[in-house]
PDB file of N, CA and C in Angstrom:
ATOM      1  N   PHE A   1      -0.815  49.273 139.180  1.00  0.00           N
ATOM      2  CA  PHE A   1       0.155  50.135 138.477  1.00  0.00           C
ATOM      3  C   PHE A   1       1.609  49.181 138.229  1.00  0.00           C
ATOM      4  N   ALA A   2       1.892  48.580 139.572  1.00  0.00           N
ATOM      5  CA  ALA A   2       3.851  48.987 139.958  1.00  0.00           C
ATOM      6  C   ALA A   2       4.106  47.193 139.149  1.00  0.00           C
ATOM      7  N   VAL A   3       2.901  46.358 139.438  1.00  0.00           N
ATOM      8  CA  VAL A   3       3.422  45.220 139.135  1.00  0.00           C
ATOM      9  C   VAL A   3       3.469  45.396 137.246  1.00  0.00           C
ATOM     10  N   TRP A   4       2.327  46.121 136.558  1.00  0.00           N
ATOM     11  CA  TRP A   4       1.660  46.308 135.355  1.00  0.00           C
ATOM     12  C   TRP A   4       3.232  47.097 134.905  1.00  0.00           C
ATOM     13  N   ALA A   5       4.183  48.113 135.450  1.00  0.00           N
ATOM     14  CA  ALA A   5       5.214  48.674 134.734  1.00  0.00           C
ATOM     15  C   ALA A   5       6.381  47.117 134.885  1.00  0.00           C
ATOM     16  N   ILE A   6       6.549  46.758 136.014  1.00  0.00           N
ATOM     17  CA  ILE A   6       7.943  46.078 135.941  1.00  0.00           C
ATOM     18  C   ILE A   6       7.895  45.075 135.424  1.00  0.00           C
ATOM     19  N   ARG A   7       6.646  44.109 134.536  1.00  0.00           N
ATOM     20  CA  ARG A   7       6.166  43.594 134.154  1.00  0.00           C
ATOM     21  C   ARG A   7       6.643  44.090 132.608  1.00  0.00           C
ATOM     22  N   ARG A   8       7.015  45.286 132.806  1.00  0.00           N
ATOM     23  CA  ARG A   8       7.233  45.866 131.178  1.00  0.00           C
ATOM     24  C   ARG A   8       8.738  46.345 131.178  1.00  0.00           C
ATOM     25  N   GLY A   9       9.205  45.931 132.162  1.00  0.00           N
ATOM     26  CA  GLY A   9      10.927  46.430 132.968  1.00  0.00           C
ATOM     27  C   GLY A   9      10.922  48.042 133.077  1.00  0.00           C
ATOM     28  N   ASP A  10       9.864  48.696 133.538  1.00  0.00           N
ATOM     29  CA  ASP A  10       9.691  50.671 133.736  1.00  0.00           C
ATOM     30  C   ASP A  10       9.888  50.468 134.687  1.00  0.00           C
ATOM     31  N   ARG A  11      11.065  50.533 135.444  1.00  0.00           N
ATOM     32  CA  ARG A  11      11.342  50.641 136.979  1.00  0.00           C
ATOM     33  C   ARG A  11      11.245  52.022 137.359  1.00  0.00           C
ATOM     34  N   ARG A  12      10.945  52.648 137.147  1.00  0.00           N
ATOM     35  CA  ARG A  12      10.883  54.071 137.342  1.00  0.00           C
ATOM     36  C   ARG A  12       9.647  54.146 137.777  1.00  0.00           C
ATOM     37  N   ALA A  13       8.350  53.645 136.625  1.00  0.00           N
ATOM     38  CA  ALA A  13       6.937  53.710 136.581  1.00  0.00           C
ATOM     39  C   ALA A  13       6.507  52.877 137.959  1.00  0.00           C
ATOM     40  N   MET A  14       7.376  51.714 138.379  1.00  0.00           N
ATOM     41  CA  MET A  14       7.052  50.897 139.206  1.00  0.00           C
ATOM     42  C   MET A  14       7.288  51.801 140.560  1.00  0.00           C
ATOM     43  N   ASN A  15       7.937  52.119 140.805  1.00  0.00           N
ATOM     44  CA  ASN A  15       8.923  52.848 141.791  1.00  0.00           C
ATOM     45  C   ASN A  15       8.284  54.310 142.269  1.00  0.00           C
ATOM     46  N   ARG A  16       7.399  54.389 141.049  1.00  0.00           N
ATOM     47  CA  ARG A  16       6.643  55.863 140.993  1.00  0.00           C
ATOM     48  C   ARG A  16       5.015  54.861 141.937  1.00  0.00           C
ATOM     49  N   ALA A  17       4.164  54.385 141.177  1.00  0.00           N
ATOM     50  CA  ALA A  17       2.951  53.522 141.686  1.00  0.00           C
ATOM     51  C   ALA A  17       3.131  53.022 143.472  1.00  0.00           C
ATOM     52  N   LEU A  18       4.629  52.283 143.407  1.00  0.00           N
ATOM     53  CA  LEU A  18       4.984  52.435 144.669  1.00  0.00           C
ATOM     54  C   LEU A  18       4.095  53.410 146.020  1.00  0.00           C
ATOM     55  N   THR A  19       4.746  54.366 145.297  1.00  0.00           N
ATOM     56  CA  THR A  19       5.404  55.930 145.993  1.00  0.00           C
ATOM     57  C   THR A  19       3.605  56.122 146.688  1.00  0.00           C
ATOM     58  N   VAL A  20       3.391  55.937 145.597  1.00  0.00           N
ATOM     59  CA  VAL A  20       2.019  57.096 145.454  1.00  0.00           C
ATOM     60  C   VAL A  20       0.966  55.930 146.021  1.00  0.00           C
ATOM     61  N   THR A  21       1.022  54.441 145.853  1.00  0.00           N
ATOM     62  CA  THR A  21       0.297  53.879 147.032  1.00  0.00           C
ATOM     63  C   THR A  21       0.733  53.855 148.595  1.00  0.00           C
ATOM     64  N   LEU A  22       1.861  53.706 148.864  1.00  0.00           N
ATOM     65  CA  LEU A  22       2.977  53.965 150.019  1.00  0.00           C
ATOM     66  C   LEU A  22       1.649  55.575 150.852  1.00  0.00           C
ATOM     67  N   ILE A  23       2.072  56.525 149.894  1.00  0.00           N
ATOM     68  CA  ILE A  23       1.155  57.604 150.887  1.00  0.00           C
ATOM     69  C   ILE A  23      -0.430  57.548 150.979  1.00  0.00           C
ATOM     70  N   LEU A  24      -0.530  57.127 149.753  1.00  0.00           N
ATOM     71  CA  LEU A  24      -2.265  56.380 150.291  1.00  0.00           C
ATOM     72  C   LEU A  24      -2.270  55.573 151.231  1.00  0.00           C
ATOM     73  N   GLY A  25      -1.626  54.653 151.399  1.00  0.00           N
ATOM     74  CA  GLY A  25      -1.964  53.907 152.880  1.00  0.00           C
ATOM     75  C   GLY A  25      -1.525  54.745 153.993  1.00  0.00           C
ATOM     76  N   ILE A  26      -0.902  55.674 154.320  1.00  0.00           N
ATOM     77  CA  ILE A  26      -0.225  56.519 155.090  1.00  0.00           C
ATOM     78  C   ILE A  26      -1.355  57.160 155.514  1.00  0.00           C
ATOM     79  N   VAL A  27      -1.708  57.661 154.386  1.00  0.00           N
ATOM     80  CA  VAL A  27      -2.907  58.750 154.363  1.00  0.00           C
ATOM     81  C   VAL A  27      -4.453  58.432 154.992  1.00  0.00           C
ATOM     82  N   PHE A  28      -4.559  56.618 154.979  1.00  0.00           N
ATOM     83  CA  PHE A  28      -5.581  55.583 155.293  1.00  0.00           C
ATOM     84  C   PHE A  28      -5.136  55.640 156.757  1.00  0.00           C
ATOM     85  N   LEU A  29      -4.049  55.397 157.229  1.00  0.00           N
ATOM     86  CA  LEU A  29      -4.032  55.377 158.492  1.00  0.00           C
ATOM     87  C   LEU A  29      -4.334  56.521 159.468  1.00  0.00           C
ATOM     88  N   CYS A  30      -3.710  57.557 158.459  1.00  0.00           N
ATOM     89  CA  CYS A  30      -4.230  59.130 159.138  1.00  0.00           C
ATOM     90  C   CYS A  30      -5.906  59.226 159.682  1.00  0.00           C
ATOM     91  N   LEU A  31      -6.395  59.369 158.604  1.00  0.00           N
ATOM     92  CA  LEU A  31      -7.721  59.206 158.347  1.00  0.00           C
ATOM     93  C   LEU A  31      -8.780  58.419 159.484  1.00  0.00           C
ATOM     94  N   GLN A  32      -8.161  57.830 159.437  1.00  0.00           N
ATOM     95  CA  GLN A  32      -8.250  56.383 160.482  1.00  0.00           C
ATOM     96  C   GLN A  32      -8.414  56.905 161.906  1.00  0.00           C
ATOM     97  N   LEU A  33      -7.470  57.034 162.070  1.00  0.00           N
ATOM     98  CA  LEU A  33      -6.958  57.820 163.954  1.00  0.00           C
ATOM     99  C   LEU A  33      -7.413  58.797 163.456  1.00  0.00           C
ATOM    100  N   TYR A  34      -7.730  59.947 162.818  1.00  0.00           N
ATOM    101  CA  TYR A  34      -8.750  61.261 163.010  1.00  0.00           C
ATOM    102  C   TYR A  34      -9.972  60.552 163.205  1.00  0.00           C
ATOM    103  N   ASP A  35     -10.821  59.497 162.681  1.00  0.00           N
ATOM    104  CA  ASP A  35     -11.978  59.039 162.685  1.00  0.00           C
ATOM    105  C   ASP A  35     -11.884  58.350 164.312  1.00  0.00           C
ATOM    106  N   TYR A  36     -11.201  58.099 164.506  1.00  0.00           N
ATOM    107  CA  TYR A  36     -11.064  57.110 166.178  1.00  0.00           C
ATOM    108  C   TYR A  36     -11.767  58.434 166.929  1.00  0.00           C
ATOM    109  N   SER A  37     -10.270  59.476 166.760  1.00  0.00           N
ATOM    110  CA  SER A  37     -10.518  60.646 167.543  1.00  0.00           C
ATOM    111  C   SER A  37     -12.158  61.440 167.607  1.00  0.00           C
ATOM    112  N   THR A  38     -12.774  61.407 166.224  1.00  0.00           N
ATOM    113  CA  THR A  38     -13.876  62.132 166.623  1.00  0.00           C
ATOM    114  C   THR A  38     -14.969  61.370 166.695  1.00  0.00           C
ATOM    115  N   LEU A  39     -15.198  60.088 167.191  1.00  0.00           N
ATOM    116  CA  LEU A  39     -15.946  59.460 166.919  1.00  0.00           C
ATOM    117  C   LEU A  39     -16.837  59.643 168.719  1.00  0.00           C
ATOM    118  N   HIS A  40     -18.175  59.084 168.967  1.00  0.00           N
ATOM    119  CA  HIS A  40     -18.891  59.699 170.062  1.00  0.00           C
ATOM    120  C   HIS A  40     -19.181  58.605 170.783  1.00  0.00           C
ATOM    121  N   PHE A  41     -18.355  57.351 170.607  1.00  0.00           N
ATOM    122  CA  PHE A  41     -18.768  56.430 171.201  1.00  0.00           C
ATOM    123  C   PHE A  41     -17.401  55.722 171.184  1.00  0.00           C
ATOM    124  N   GLY A  42     -16.984  54.744 172.078  1.00  0.00           N
ATOM    125  CA  GLY A  42     -16.015  54.300 172.428  1.00  0.00           C
ATOM    126  C   GLY A  42     -15.631  52.290 172.341  1.00  0.00           C
ATOM    127  N   ILE A  43     -14.738  52.193 172.540  1.00  0.00           N
ATOM    128  CA  ILE A  43     -14.896  50.504 172.553  1.00  0.00           C
ATOM    129  C   ILE A  43     -15.924  49.771 173.186  1.00  0.00           C
ATOM    130  N   ASN A  44     -16.129  50.149 175.039  1.00  0.00           N
ATOM    131  CA  ASN A  44     -16.541  50.107 175.523  1.00  0.00           C
ATOM    132  C   ASN A  44     -18.191  50.149 175.500  1.00  0.00           C
ATOM    133  N   SER A  45     -18.641  51.027 173.944  1.00  0.00           N
ATOM    134  CA  SER A  45     -20.072  51.430 173.848  1.00  0.00           C
ATOM    135  C   SER A  45     -21.036  50.323 174.009  1.00  0.00           C
ATOM    136  N   GLY A  46     -20.744  49.049 174.114  1.00  0.00           N
ATOM    137  CA  GLY A  46     -22.638  48.537 173.775  1.00  0.00           C
ATOM    138  C   GLY A  46     -21.419  47.424 172.304  1.00  0.00           C
ATOM    139  N   VAL A  47     -22.400  46.752 171.692  1.00  0.00           N
ATOM    140  CA  VAL A  47     -22.230  45.511 170.556  1.00  0.00           C
ATOM    141  C   VAL A  47     -21.363  46.034 169.685  1.00  0.00           C
ATOM    142  N   TYR A  48     -22.046  47.512 169.104  1.00  0.00           N
ATOM    143  CA  TYR A  48     -21.505  48.016 167.927  1.00  0.00           C
ATOM    144  C   TYR A  48     -19.960  48.323 168.244  1.00  0.00           C
ATOM    145  N   GLY A  49     -19.753  49.605 169.320  1.00  0.00           N
ATOM    146  CA  GLY A  49     -18.673  49.903 169.513  1.00  0.00           C
ATOM    147  C   GLY A  49     -17.422  49.016 170.028  1.00  0.00           C
ATOM    148  N   SER A  50     -17.958  47.952 170.326  1.00  0.00           N
ATOM    149  CA  SER A  50     -16.921  47.104 170.256  1.00  0.00           C
ATOM    150  C   SER A  50     -16.211  46.282 168.735  1.00  0.00           C
ATOM    151  N   LEU A  51     -17.651  46.271 168.069  1.00  0.00           N
ATOM    152  CA  LEU A  51     -17.345  45.367 166.812  1.00  0.00           C
ATOM    153  C   LEU A  51     -16.504  46.556 165.603  1.00  0.00           C
ATOM    154  N   PHE A  52     -17.427  47.385 166.010  1.00  0.00           N
ATOM    155  CA  PHE A  52     -16.555  48.652 165.297  1.00  0.00           C
ATOM    156  C   PHE A  52     -15.236  48.837 165.513  1.00  0.00           C
ATOM    157  N   TYR A  53     -14.629  49.144 166.547  1.00  0.00           N
ATOM    158  CA  TYR A  53     -13.116  49.253 167.023  1.00  0.00           C
ATOM    159  C   TYR A  53     -12.371  47.970 166.969  1.00  0.00           C
ATOM    160  N   SER A  54     -12.958  46.919 166.693  1.00  0.00           N
ATOM    161  CA  SER A  54     -12.147  45.739 166.431  1.00  0.00           C
ATOM    162  C   SER A  54     -12.006  45.380 165.001  1.00  0.00           C
ATOM    163  N   LEU A  55     -12.971  45.649 164.212  1.00  0.00           N
ATOM    164  CA  LEU A  55     -12.929  45.208 162.729  1.00  0.00           C
ATOM    165  C   LEU A  55     -12.166  46.733 161.952  1.00  0.00           C
ATOM    166  N   THR A  56     -12.020  47.557 163.033  1.00  0.00           N
ATOM    167  CA  THR A  56     -11.401  48.508 161.837  1.00  0.00           C
ATOM    168  C   THR A  56     -10.251  48.537 162.578  1.00  0.00           C
ATOM    169  N   GLY A  57      -9.604  48.034 163.892  1.00  0.00           N
ATOM    170  CA  GLY A  57      -8.456  48.535 164.220  1.00  0.00           C
ATOM    171  C   GLY A  57      -7.801  46.864 163.550  1.00  0.00           C
ATOM    172  N   PHE A  58      -8.193  45.737 163.510  1.00  0.00           N
ATOM    173  CA  PHE A  58      -7.467  44.894 162.530  1.00  0.00           C
ATOM    174  C   PHE A  58      -6.824  44.860 161.479  1.00  0.00           C
ATOM    175  N   HIS A  59      -8.214  45.669 160.593  1.00  0.00           N
ATOM    176  CA  HIS A  59      -7.996  45.820 159.281  1.00  0.00           C
ATOM    177  C   HIS A  59      -6.731  46.814 159.407  1.00  0.00           C
ATOM    178  N   GLY A  60      -6.901  47.687 160.303  1.00  0.00           N
ATOM    179  CA  GLY A  60      -5.826  49.530 160.251  1.00  0.00           C
ATOM    180  C   GLY A  60      -4.542  48.638 160.804  1.00  0.00           C
ATOM    181  N   ALA A  61      -4.314  47.589 161.602  1.00  0.00           N
ATOM    182  CA  ALA A  61      -3.124  46.720 161.747  1.00  0.00           C
ATOM    183  C   ALA A  61      -2.616  45.855 160.655  1.00  0.00           C
ATOM    184  N   HIS A  62      -3.596  45.434 159.061  1.00  0.00           N
ATOM    185  CA  HIS A  62      -3.675  45.151 158.361  1.00  0.00           C
ATOM    186  C   HIS A  62      -2.924  45.681 156.992  1.00  0.00           C
ATOM    187  N   VAL A  63      -3.589  46.814 157.153  1.00  0.00           N
ATOM    188  CA  VAL A  63      -2.560  47.904 156.161  1.00  0.00           C
ATOM    189  C   VAL A  63      -1.617  48.507 156.952  1.00  0.00           C
ATOM    190  N   PHE A  64      -1.469  48.612 158.186  1.00  0.00           N
ATOM    191  CA  PHE A  64       0.024  48.864 158.520  1.00  0.00           C
ATOM    192  C   PHE A  64       0.710  48.073 158.204  1.00  0.00           C
ATOM    193  N   GLY A  65       0.882  46.440 158.117  1.00  0.00           N
ATOM    194  CA  GLY A  65       1.671  45.861 157.693  1.00  0.00           C
ATOM    195  C   GLY A  65       2.076  46.125 155.941  1.00  0.00           C
ATOM    196  N   GLY A  66       0.716  46.717 155.133  1.00  0.00           N
ATOM    197  CA  GLY A  66       0.898  46.619 153.773  1.00  0.00           C
ATOM    198  C   GLY A  66       1.747  47.604 153.650  1.00  0.00           C
ATOM    199  N   VAL A  67       1.540  48.793 154.466  1.00  0.00           N
ATOM    200  CA  VAL A  67       1.931  50.091 154.447  1.00  0.00           C
ATOM    201  C   VAL A  67       3.940  49.456 154.951  1.00  0.00           C
ATOM    202  N   VAL A  68       4.129  48.255 155.734  1.00  0.00           N
ATOM    203  CA  VAL A  68       5.670  48.214 156.078  1.00  0.00           C
ATOM    204  C   VAL A  68       6.173  47.554 154.932  1.00  0.00           C
ATOM    205  N   GLY A  69       5.173  46.963 154.155  1.00  0.00           N
ATOM    206  CA  GLY A  69       6.129  46.076 153.185  1.00  0.00           C
ATOM    207  C   GLY A  69       5.598  46.996 151.383  1.00  0.00           C
ATOM    208  N   ILE A  70       4.981  47.413 151.394  1.00  0.00           N
ATOM    209  CA  ILE A  70       5.639  48.440 150.421  1.00  0.00           C
ATOM    210  C   ILE A  70       6.740  49.577 150.647  1.00  0.00           C
ATOM    211  N   SER A  71       7.046  49.588 152.133  1.00  0.00           N
ATOM    212  CA  SER A  71       8.296  50.486 151.679  1.00  0.00           C
ATOM    213  C   SER A  71       9.446  49.814 151.437  1.00  0.00           C
ATOM    214  N   ILE A  72       9.188  47.893 152.194  1.00  0.00           N
ATOM    215  CA  ILE A  72      10.158  47.302 152.006  1.00  0.00           C
ATOM    216  C   ILE A  72      10.661  47.329 150.515  1.00  0.00           C
ATOM    217  N   ILE A  73       9.327  46.778 149.518  1.00  0.00           N
ATOM    218  CA  ILE A  73       9.590  46.930 148.035  1.00  0.00           C
ATOM    219  C   ILE A  73       9.814  48.086 147.733  1.00  0.00           C
ATOM    220  N   LEU A  74       9.644  49.142 148.047  1.00  0.00           N
ATOM    221  CA  LEU A  74      10.048  50.364 147.150  1.00  0.00           C
ATOM    222  C   LEU A  74      11.205  50.435 147.620  1.00  0.00           C
ATOM    223  N   MET A  75      12.053  50.325 149.012  1.00  0.00           N
ATOM    224  CA  MET A  75      13.132  50.557 148.940  1.00  0.00           C
ATOM    225  C   MET A  75      14.670  49.312 148.442  1.00  0.00           C
ATOM    226  N   ARG A  76      13.559  48.485 147.897  1.00  0.00           N
ATOM    227  CA  ARG A  76      14.623  47.753 147.045  1.00  0.00           C
ATOM    228  C   ARG A  76      14.019  47.734 145.673  1.00  0.00           C
ATOM    229  N   GLY A  77      13.355  48.459 145.316  1.00  0.00           N
ATOM    230  CA  GLY A  77      12.872  48.991 143.663  1.00  0.00           C
ATOM    231  C   GLY A  77      14.162  50.204 143.745  1.00  0.00           C
ATOM    232  N   LEU A  78      14.184  51.081 144.560  1.00  0.00           N
ATOM    233  CA  LEU A  78      14.752  51.753 144.424  1.00  0.00           C
ATOM    234  C   LEU A  78      16.482  51.826 144.338  1.00  0.00           C
ATOM    235  N   ALA A  79      17.046  50.464 144.733  1.00  0.00           N
ATOM    236  CA  ALA A  79      18.170  49.988 144.460  1.00  0.00           C
ATOM    237  C   ALA A  79      18.335  48.721 143.476  1.00  0.00           C
ATOM    238  N   GLY A  80      16.836  49.077 142.947  1.00  0.00           N
ATOM    239  CA  GLY A  80      17.372  49.164 141.757  1.00  0.00           C
ATOM    240  C   GLY A  80      17.353  46.878 141.473  1.00  0.00           C
ATOM    241  N   GLN A  81      16.507  46.071 142.305  1.00  0.00           N
ATOM    242  CA  GLN A  81      16.657  44.924 142.527  1.00  0.00           C
ATOM    243  C   GLN A  81      15.423  44.092 141.954  1.00  0.00           C
ATOM    244  N   PHE A  82      15.066  44.612 141.028  1.00  0.00           N
ATOM    245  CA  PHE A  82      13.713  44.079 140.506  1.00  0.00           C
ATOM    246  C   PHE A  82      13.751  44.031 139.127  1.00  0.00           C
ATOM    247  N   SER A  83      13.135  43.203 138.454  1.00  0.00           N
ATOM    248  CA  SER A  83      13.602  43.528 136.978  1.00  0.00           C
ATOM    249  C   SER A  83      12.043  43.261 136.040  1.00  0.00           C
ATOM    250  N   ALA A  84      11.922  43.076 134.776  1.00  0.00           N
ATOM    251  CA  ALA A  84      10.954  42.379 134.343  1.00  0.00           C
ATOM    252  C   ALA A  84      10.632  40.791 134.316  1.00  0.00           C
ATOM    253  N   ARG A  85      12.221  39.920 134.970  1.00  0.00           N
ATOM    254  CA  ARG A  85      11.965  38.491 134.995  1.00  0.00           C
ATOM    255  C   ARG A  85      11.793  38.204 136.235  1.00  0.00           C
ATOM    256  N   HIS A  86      12.092  38.957 137.346  1.00  0.00           N
ATOM    257  CA  HIS A  86      12.266  38.922 139.140  1.00  0.00           C
ATOM    258  C   HIS A  86      11.741  39.935 139.418  1.00  0.00           C
ATOM    259  N   HIS A  87      10.658  39.820 139.600  1.00  0.00           N
ATOM    260  CA  HIS A  87      10.052  40.669 140.405  1.00  0.00           C
ATOM    261  C   HIS A  87       8.377  39.980 141.601  1.00  0.00           C
ATOM    262  N   VAL A  88       9.070  38.589 142.060  1.00  0.00           N
ATOM    263  CA  VAL A  88       7.854  37.911 142.643  1.00  0.00           C
ATOM    264  C   VAL A  88       7.258  38.922 143.869  1.00  0.00           C
ATOM    265  N   ALA A  89       8.383  39.226 144.181  1.00  0.00           N
ATOM    266  CA  ALA A  89       7.809  40.262 145.684  1.00  0.00           C
ATOM    267  C   ALA A  89       6.956  40.965 145.545  1.00  0.00           C
ATOM    268  N   VAL A  90       7.369  41.611 144.147  1.00  0.00           N
ATOM    269  CA  VAL A  90       6.266  43.101 144.003  1.00  0.00           C
ATOM    270  C   VAL A  90       4.552  42.309 143.765  1.00  0.00           C
ATOM    271  N   GLU A  91       4.373  41.040 143.117  1.00  0.00           N
ATOM    272  CA  GLU A  91       3.324  41.022 143.262  1.00  0.00           C
ATOM    273  C   GLU A  91       2.656  40.314 144.276  1.00  0.00           C
ATOM    274  N   ALA A  92       3.833  40.165 145.215  1.00  0.00           N
ATOM    275  CA  ALA A  92       3.441  39.318 146.603  1.00  0.00           C
ATOM    276  C   ALA A  92       2.384  40.059 147.347  1.00  0.00           C
ATOM    277  N   VAL A  93       3.189  41.608 147.153  1.00  0.00           N
ATOM    278  CA  VAL A  93       2.902  42.017 148.147  1.00  0.00           C
ATOM    279  C   VAL A  93       1.490  43.099 147.622  1.00  0.00           C
ATOM    280  N   SER A  94       1.567  42.828 145.949  1.00  0.00           N
ATOM    281  CA  SER A  94       0.545  43.776 145.149  1.00  0.00           C
ATOM    282  C   SER A  94      -0.615  43.012 145.415  1.00  0.00           C
ATOM    283  N   ILE A  95      -0.858  41.144 145.732  1.00  0.00           N
ATOM    284  CA  ILE A  95      -1.792  41.014 146.129  1.00  0.00           C
ATOM    285  C   ILE A  95      -1.975  41.137 147.211  1.00  0.00           C
ATOM    286  N   TYR A  96      -1.599  40.665 148.344  1.00  0.00           N
ATOM    287  CA  TYR A  96      -1.482  41.491 149.825  1.00  0.00           C
ATOM    288  C   TYR A  96      -2.448  42.891 149.976  1.00  0.00           C
ATOM    289  N   TRP A  97      -1.866  43.642 149.200  1.00  0.00           N
ATOM    290  CA  TRP A  97      -2.507  44.660 149.095  1.00  0.00           C
ATOM    291  C   TRP A  97      -4.190  45.059 148.486  1.00  0.00           C
ATOM    292  N   HIS A  98      -4.192  44.435 147.514  1.00  0.00           N
ATOM    293  CA  HIS A  98      -5.756  44.161 147.016  1.00  0.00           C
ATOM    294  C   HIS A  98      -6.210  43.258 147.689  1.00  0.00           C
ATOM    295  N   PHE A  99      -5.542  42.502 148.833  1.00  0.00           N
ATOM    296  CA  PHE A  99      -6.672  41.708 149.926  1.00  0.00           C
ATOM    297  C   PHE A  99      -7.379  42.896 150.721  1.00  0.00           C
ATOM    298  N   VAL A 100      -6.298  43.262 151.146  1.00  0.00           N
ATOM    299  CA  VAL A 100      -6.395  44.386 152.365  1.00  0.00           C
ATOM    300  C   VAL A 100      -8.014  45.307 151.866  1.00  0.00           C
ATOM    301  N   ASP A 101      -7.831  46.099 150.355  1.00  0.00           N
ATOM    302  CA  ASP A 101      -8.567  46.524 149.979  1.00  0.00           C
ATOM    303  C   ASP A 101      -9.975  46.110 149.617  1.00  0.00           C
ATOM    304  N   VAL A 102     -10.097  45.138 148.883  1.00  0.00           N
ATOM    305  CA  VAL A 102     -11.250  44.395 149.849  1.00  0.00           C
ATOM    306  C   VAL A 102     -12.128  44.332 150.504  1.00  0.00           C
ATOM    307  N   VAL A 103     -10.810  43.815 151.429  1.00  0.00           N
ATOM    308  CA  VAL A 103     -11.638  43.645 153.076  1.00  0.00           C
ATOM    309  C   VAL A 103     -12.256  45.186 153.050  1.00  0.00           C
ATOM    310  N   TRP A 104     -11.588  46.114 152.921  1.00  0.00           N
ATOM    311  CA  TRP A 104     -11.823  47.503 153.624  1.00  0.00           C
ATOM    312  C   TRP A 104     -13.463  47.936 152.843  1.00  0.00           C
ATOM    313  N   ILE A 105     -13.574  47.312 151.213  1.00  0.00           N
ATOM    314  CA  ILE A 105     -14.747  47.735 150.715  1.00  0.00           C
ATOM    315  C   ILE A 105     -15.624  46.919 151.748  1.00  0.00           C
ATOM    316  N   ALA A 106     -15.303  45.656 152.253  1.00  0.00           N
ATOM    317  CA  ALA A 106     -16.701  44.984 152.728  1.00  0.00           C
ATOM    318  C   ALA A 106     -16.924  45.586 154.265  1.00  0.00           C
ATOM    319  N   LEU A 107     -15.819  46.406 154.599  1.00  0.00           N
ATOM    320  CA  LEU A 107     -15.689  46.171 155.772  1.00  0.00           C
ATOM    321  C   LEU A 107     -16.687  48.237 155.947  1.00  0.00           C
ATOM    322  N   PHE A 108     -16.472  48.597 155.233  1.00  0.00           N
ATOM    323  CA  PHE A 108     -17.026  50.133 154.989  1.00  0.00           C
ATOM    324  C   PHE A 108     -18.502  49.869 154.495  1.00  0.00           C
ATOM    325  N   THR A 109     -19.559  48.878 153.873  1.00  0.00           N
ATOM    326  CA  THR A 109     -20.647  49.003 153.391  1.00  0.00           C
ATOM    327  C   THR A 109     -20.963  48.405 154.742  1.00  0.00           C
ATOM    328  N   VAL A 110     -20.493  47.307 155.446  1.00  0.00           N
ATOM    329  CA  VAL A 110     -21.262  47.109 156.617  1.00  0.00           C
ATOM    330  C   VAL A 110     -21.062  47.839 157.711  1.00  0.00           C
ATOM    331  N   ILE A 111     -19.841  48.336 157.969  1.00  0.00           N
ATOM    332  CA  ILE A 111     -19.752  49.853 159.535  1.00  0.00           C
ATOM    333  C   ILE A 111     -20.958  50.895 159.360  1.00  0.00           C
ATOM    334  N   TYR A 112     -20.288  51.345 157.932  1.00  0.00           N
ATOM    335  CA  TYR A 112     -20.962  53.035 157.866  1.00  0.00           C
ATOM    336  C   TYR A 112     -22.243  53.218 156.501  1.00  0.00           C
ATOM    337  N   VAL A 113     -22.107  52.149 155.905  1.00  0.00           N
ATOM    338  CA  VAL A 113     -23.452  52.658 154.864  1.00  0.00           C
ATOM    339  C   VAL A 113     -24.704  51.697 155.597  1.00  0.00           C
ATOM    340  N   LEU A 114     -24.512  50.463 155.733  1.00  0.00           N
ATOM    341  CA  LEU A 114     -25.771  49.225 156.352  1.00  0.00           C
ATOM    342  C   LEU A 114     -25.468  49.796 157.798  1.00  0.00           C
ATOM    343  N   ARG A 115     -24.827  50.187 158.341  1.00  0.00           N
ATOM    344  CA  ARG A 115     -25.149  50.265 159.927  1.00  0.00           C
ATOM    345  C   ARG A 115     -26.514  51.257 160.277  1.00  0.00           C
TER     346      ARG A 115
END
């Protein structure tokens, strides 16, 4: 939604979309930490534990990177640095975030649904 909004020149909508995305990313990380704290197995609990913590931890690191990227883009957006003609950074962070989303869908399916 942020890219769609800035392509139309709507900075307020872009900033709102980035804010919502940032909040959802932080909530995801908090829920992942909660999940880790309630699991009955650890990284040393065999192959599944090792894979689970490695894959979800690596993904969590990428989500954290996305949260940092979105934060930077949001700060720049609030400073009015993007327009309908100049918004490549918004598109780049959006592509990265969508990649992280797709990876999570695959991980969630393999780790939680098919296990």
